Amino acid sequence: MARILGIDPGSRRCGIAITDSARTMAFPRPSLQADDALMLNVSRLVEEEAVALVVVGRPVALSGNVTASTESADRLFDALQESLAPVPVVQWDERLTTFEAQRSLSGAGMKAKQHREHIDSAAAVIMLQNYLDGLRAE
């Protein structure tokens, strides 16, 4: 079975996670810079890893309201849909994933200064794992 790629959009970096071939677990990959090369780098990753679906996190406020981050993630989603066609791209609610990732990294004994290097992809893993769990619940 082809893999699923998860992207946790950010203003500076996008966290990256990818499933195993059975689509049961999500694993972190190095984050990608949110710059002009992002589309090319995601396209390469999709090709190299035989990705069949891309899940983009959609950050909304706890109240469900749209924020500036939501609008930025929506623009990334639209650009990825166009850039990666015919590979499907979907959005998934990623509320609290960064908070969960910080708690998880701290629980693993990592100091707060070290979080920056890992937080984006840790959040992408949580978001993608939530997506996978949601598929199994259907």
C-alpha atoms as a PDB file:
ATOM      1  CA  MET A   1       0.000   0.000   0.000  1.00  0.00           C
ATOM      2  CA  ALA A   2       1.295   3.475  -0.833  1.00  0.00           C
ATOM      3  CA  ARG A   3       2.235   5.859   1.949  1.00  0.00           C
ATOM      4  CA  ILE A   4       0.527   8.979   3.267  1.00  0.00           C
ATOM      5  CA  LEU A   5       2.463  12.199   3.794  1.00  0.00           C
ATOM      6  CA  GLY A   6       1.482  14.589   6.580  1.00  0.00           C
ATOM      7  CA  ILE A   7       2.371  18.286   6.545  1.00  0.00           C
ATOM      8  CA  ASP A   8       2.048  20.574   9.556  1.00  0.00           C
ATOM      9  CA  PRO A   9       2.199  24.057   7.990  1.00  0.00           C
ATOM     10  CA  GLY A  10       4.159  26.791   9.697  1.00  0.00           C
ATOM     11  CA  SER A  11       5.340  30.278   8.863  1.00  0.00           C
ATOM     12  CA  ARG A  12       9.032  29.287   8.867  1.00  0.00           C
ATOM     13  CA  ARG A  13       9.039  25.505   8.682  1.00  0.00           C
ATOM     14  CA  CYS A  14       6.590  22.782   7.759  1.00  0.00           C
ATOM     15  CA  GLY A  15       6.647  19.660   9.871  1.00  0.00           C
ATOM     16  CA  ILE A  16       6.757  16.453   7.868  1.00  0.00           C
ATOM     17  CA  ALA A  17       5.577  12.955   8.753  1.00  0.00           C
ATOM     18  CA  ILE A  18       5.047   9.854   6.665  1.00  0.00           C
ATOM     19  CA  THR A  19       3.277   6.575   7.282  1.00  0.00           C
ATOM     20  CA  ASP A  20       4.673   3.107   7.029  1.00  0.00           C
ATOM     21  CA  SER A  21       3.581   1.174   3.955  1.00  0.00           C
ATOM     22  CA  ALA A  22       0.718  -0.439   5.913  1.00  0.00           C
ATOM     23  CA  ARG A  23      -0.575   3.027   6.866  1.00  0.00           C
ATOM     24  CA  THR A  24      -0.781   2.142  10.540  1.00  0.00           C
ATOM     25  CA  MET A  25       1.873   4.428  12.038  1.00  0.00           C
ATOM     26  CA  ALA A  26       3.251   7.897  11.332  1.00  0.00           C
ATOM     27  CA  PHE A  27       6.965   8.672  11.571  1.00  0.00           C
ATOM     28  CA  PRO A  28       8.749  12.037  11.631  1.00  0.00           C
ATOM     29  CA  ARG A  29      10.888  13.323   8.807  1.00  0.00           C
ATOM     30  CA  PRO A  30      13.050  16.436   8.826  1.00  0.00           C
ATOM     31  CA  SER A  31      10.994  19.595   8.553  1.00  0.00           C
ATOM     32  CA  LEU A  32      11.067  21.605   5.337  1.00  0.00           C
ATOM     33  CA  GLN A  33      11.638  25.327   5.111  1.00  0.00           C
ATOM     34  CA  ALA A  34       8.470  27.251   4.231  1.00  0.00           C
ATOM     35  CA  ASP A  35      10.146  29.064   1.368  1.00  0.00           C
ATOM     36  CA  ASP A  36      10.084  29.235  -2.424  1.00  0.00           C
ATOM     37  CA  ALA A  37      11.488  25.687  -2.680  1.00  0.00           C
ATOM     38  CA  LEU A  38       8.736  24.116  -0.556  1.00  0.00           C
ATOM     39  CA  MET A  39       6.580  22.888  -3.465  1.00  0.00           C
ATOM     40  CA  LEU A  40       9.576  21.333  -5.208  1.00  0.00           C
ATOM     41  CA  ASN A  41      10.753  19.663  -2.001  1.00  0.00           C
ATOM     42  CA  VAL A  42       7.292  18.245  -1.256  1.00  0.00           C
ATOM     43  CA  SER A  43       6.957  17.028  -4.855  1.00  0.00           C
ATOM     44  CA  ARG A  44      10.299  15.229  -4.583  1.00  0.00           C
ATOM     45  CA  LEU A  45       9.279  13.624  -1.307  1.00  0.00           C
ATOM     46  CA  VAL A  46       5.972  12.462  -2.795  1.00  0.00           C
ATOM     47  CA  GLU A  47       7.813  10.868  -5.711  1.00  0.00           C
ATOM     48  CA  GLU A  48      10.684   9.339  -3.709  1.00  0.00           C
ATOM     49  CA  GLU A  49       8.377   7.820  -1.081  1.00  0.00           C
ATOM     50  CA  ALA A  50       5.596   6.697  -3.453  1.00  0.00           C
ATOM     51  CA  VAL A  51       3.047   8.817  -1.601  1.00  0.00           C
ATOM     52  CA  ALA A  52      -0.576   8.286  -2.626  1.00  0.00           C
ATOM     53  CA  LEU A  53      -2.179  10.927  -0.400  1.00  0.00           C
ATOM     54  CA  VAL A  54      -1.072  14.158   1.283  1.00  0.00           C
ATOM     55  CA  VAL A  55      -2.732  15.378   4.484  1.00  0.00           C
ATOM     56  CA  VAL A  56      -2.251  19.054   5.315  1.00  0.00           C
ATOM     57  CA  GLY A  57      -2.943  20.252   8.829  1.00  0.00           C
ATOM     58  CA  ARG A  58      -5.519  23.012   9.175  1.00  0.00           C
ATOM     59  CA  PRO A  59      -4.980  25.050  12.326  1.00  0.00           C
ATOM     60  CA  VAL A  60      -8.104  26.677  13.670  1.00  0.00           C
ATOM     61  CA  ALA A  61      -8.709  28.366  17.014  1.00  0.00           C
ATOM     62  CA  LEU A  62     -10.122  26.241  19.823  1.00  0.00           C
ATOM     63  CA  SER A  63     -13.399  28.061  19.217  1.00  0.00           C
ATOM     64  CA  GLY A  64     -13.345  26.828  15.629  1.00  0.00           C
ATOM     65  CA  ASN A  65     -12.739  30.313  14.246  1.00  0.00           C
ATOM     66  CA  VAL A  66     -10.451  30.922  11.294  1.00  0.00           C
ATOM     67  CA  THR A  67      -7.131  32.608  12.105  1.00  0.00           C
ATOM     68  CA  ALA A  68      -4.253  34.014  10.053  1.00  0.00           C
ATOM     69  CA  SER A  69      -2.569  30.606  10.413  1.00  0.00           C
ATOM     70  CA  THR A  70      -5.701  28.935   9.054  1.00  0.00           C
ATOM     71  CA  GLU A  71      -5.694  31.187   6.010  1.00  0.00           C
ATOM     72  CA  SER A  72      -2.000  30.512   5.400  1.00  0.00           C
ATOM     73  CA  ALA A  73      -2.585  26.745   5.673  1.00  0.00           C
ATOM     74  CA  ASP A  74      -5.518  27.044   3.257  1.00  0.00           C
ATOM     75  CA  ARG A  75      -3.261  28.778   0.709  1.00  0.00           C
ATOM     76  CA  LEU A  76      -0.668  26.005   1.103  1.00  0.00           C
ATOM     77  CA  PHE A  77      -3.412  23.399   0.678  1.00  0.00           C
ATOM     78  CA  ASP A  78      -4.614  25.042  -2.556  1.00  0.00           C
ATOM     79  CA  ALA A  79      -1.062  25.299  -3.910  1.00  0.00           C
ATOM     80  CA  LEU A  80      -0.325  21.652  -3.072  1.00  0.00           C
ATOM     81  CA  GLN A  81      -3.539  20.487  -4.747  1.00  0.00           C
ATOM     82  CA  GLU A  82      -2.451  22.224  -7.929  1.00  0.00           C
ATOM     83  CA  SER A  83       1.212  21.242  -7.708  1.00  0.00           C
ATOM     84  CA  LEU A  84       0.754  17.568  -6.797  1.00  0.00           C
ATOM     85  CA  ALA A  85      -2.210  16.629  -9.025  1.00  0.00           C
ATOM     86  CA  PRO A  86      -3.245  13.859  -9.557  1.00  0.00           C
ATOM     87  CA  VAL A  87      -2.102  12.936  -6.011  1.00  0.00           C
ATOM     88  CA  PRO A  88      -5.023  13.806  -3.722  1.00  0.00           C
ATOM     89  CA  VAL A  89      -4.464  16.422  -1.015  1.00  0.00           C
ATOM     90  CA  VAL A  90      -6.838  16.707   1.957  1.00  0.00           C
ATOM     91  CA  GLN A  91      -6.987  18.894   5.061  1.00  0.00           C
ATOM     92  CA  TRP A  92      -7.227  17.688   8.655  1.00  0.00           C
ATOM     93  CA  ASP A  93      -7.928  19.598  11.852  1.00  0.00           C
ATOM     94  CA  GLU A  94      -4.673  19.974  13.737  1.00  0.00           C
ATOM     95  CA  ARG A  95      -5.848  21.797  16.854  1.00  0.00           C
ATOM     96  CA  LEU A  96      -3.514  21.307  19.833  1.00  0.00           C
ATOM     97  CA  THR A  97      -0.978  19.166  17.950  1.00  0.00           C
ATOM     98  CA  THR A  98       1.895  21.555  18.687  1.00  0.00           C
ATOM     99  CA  PHE A  99       0.922  21.594  22.370  1.00  0.00           C
ATOM    100  CA  GLU A 100       0.793  17.771  22.405  1.00  0.00           C
ATOM    101  CA  ALA A 101       4.144  17.616  20.609  1.00  0.00           C
ATOM    102  CA  GLN A 102       5.759  19.944  23.167  1.00  0.00           C
ATOM    103  CA  ARG A 103       4.399  17.841  26.013  1.00  0.00           C
ATOM    104  CA  SER A 104       5.606  14.649  24.362  1.00  0.00           C
ATOM    105  CA  LEU A 105       9.104  16.011  23.739  1.00  0.00           C
ATOM    106  CA  SER A 106       9.328  17.251  27.331  1.00  0.00           C
ATOM    107  CA  GLY A 107       8.108  13.876  28.569  1.00  0.00           C
ATOM    108  CA  ALA A 108      10.898  12.248  26.594  1.00  0.00           C
ATOM    109  CA  GLY A 109      13.400  14.332  28.551  1.00  0.00           C
ATOM    110  CA  MET A 110      14.170  16.828  25.819  1.00  0.00           C
ATOM    111  CA  LYS A 111      15.013  20.341  26.981  1.00  0.00           C
ATOM    112  CA  ALA A 112      12.855  23.230  25.737  1.00  0.00           C
ATOM    113  CA  LYS A 113      15.746  24.657  23.665  1.00  0.00           C
ATOM    114  CA  GLN A 114      15.951  21.379  21.737  1.00  0.00           C
ATOM    115  CA  HIS A 115      12.223  21.422  20.940  1.00  0.00           C
ATOM    116  CA  ARG A 116      12.654  23.871  18.056  1.00  0.00           C
ATOM    117  CA  GLU A 117      14.521  21.315  15.974  1.00  0.00           C
ATOM    118  CA  HIS A 118      11.845  18.658  16.408  1.00  0.00           C
ATOM    119  CA  ILE A 119       8.539  20.332  17.250  1.00  0.00           C
ATOM    120  CA  ASP A 120       7.245  20.812  13.691  1.00  0.00           C
ATOM    121  CA  SER A 121       7.692  17.206  12.631  1.00  0.00           C
ATOM    122  CA  ALA A 122       6.492  15.918  16.018  1.00  0.00           C
ATOM    123  CA  ALA A 123       3.287  17.910  15.493  1.00  0.00           C
ATOM    124  CA  ALA A 124       3.021  16.486  11.954  1.00  0.00           C
ATOM    125  CA  VAL A 125       3.306  12.952  13.377  1.00  0.00           C
ATOM    126  CA  ILE A 126       0.496  13.617  15.860  1.00  0.00           C
ATOM    127  CA  MET A 127      -1.717  15.172  13.176  1.00  0.00           C
ATOM    128  CA  LEU A 128      -1.092  12.319  10.713  1.00  0.00           C
ATOM    129  CA  GLN A 129      -1.595   9.653  13.382  1.00  0.00           C
ATOM    130  CA  ASN A 130      -4.903  11.306  14.332  1.00  0.00           C
ATOM    131  CA  TYR A 131      -5.893  11.170  10.653  1.00  0.00           C
ATOM    132  CA  LEU A 132      -4.998   7.464  10.452  1.00  0.00           C
ATOM    133  CA  ASP A 133      -6.914   6.720  13.655  1.00  0.00           C
ATOM    134  CA  GLY A 134      -9.896   8.603  12.223  1.00  0.00           C
ATOM    135  CA  LEU A 135      -9.831   6.400   9.113  1.00  0.00           C
ATOM    136  CA  ARG A 136      -9.869   3.247  11.219  1.00  0.00           C
ATOM    137  CA  ALA A 137     -12.803   4.569  13.275  1.00  0.00           C
ATOM    138  CA  GLU A 138     -14.985   4.962  10.168  1.00  0.00           C
END
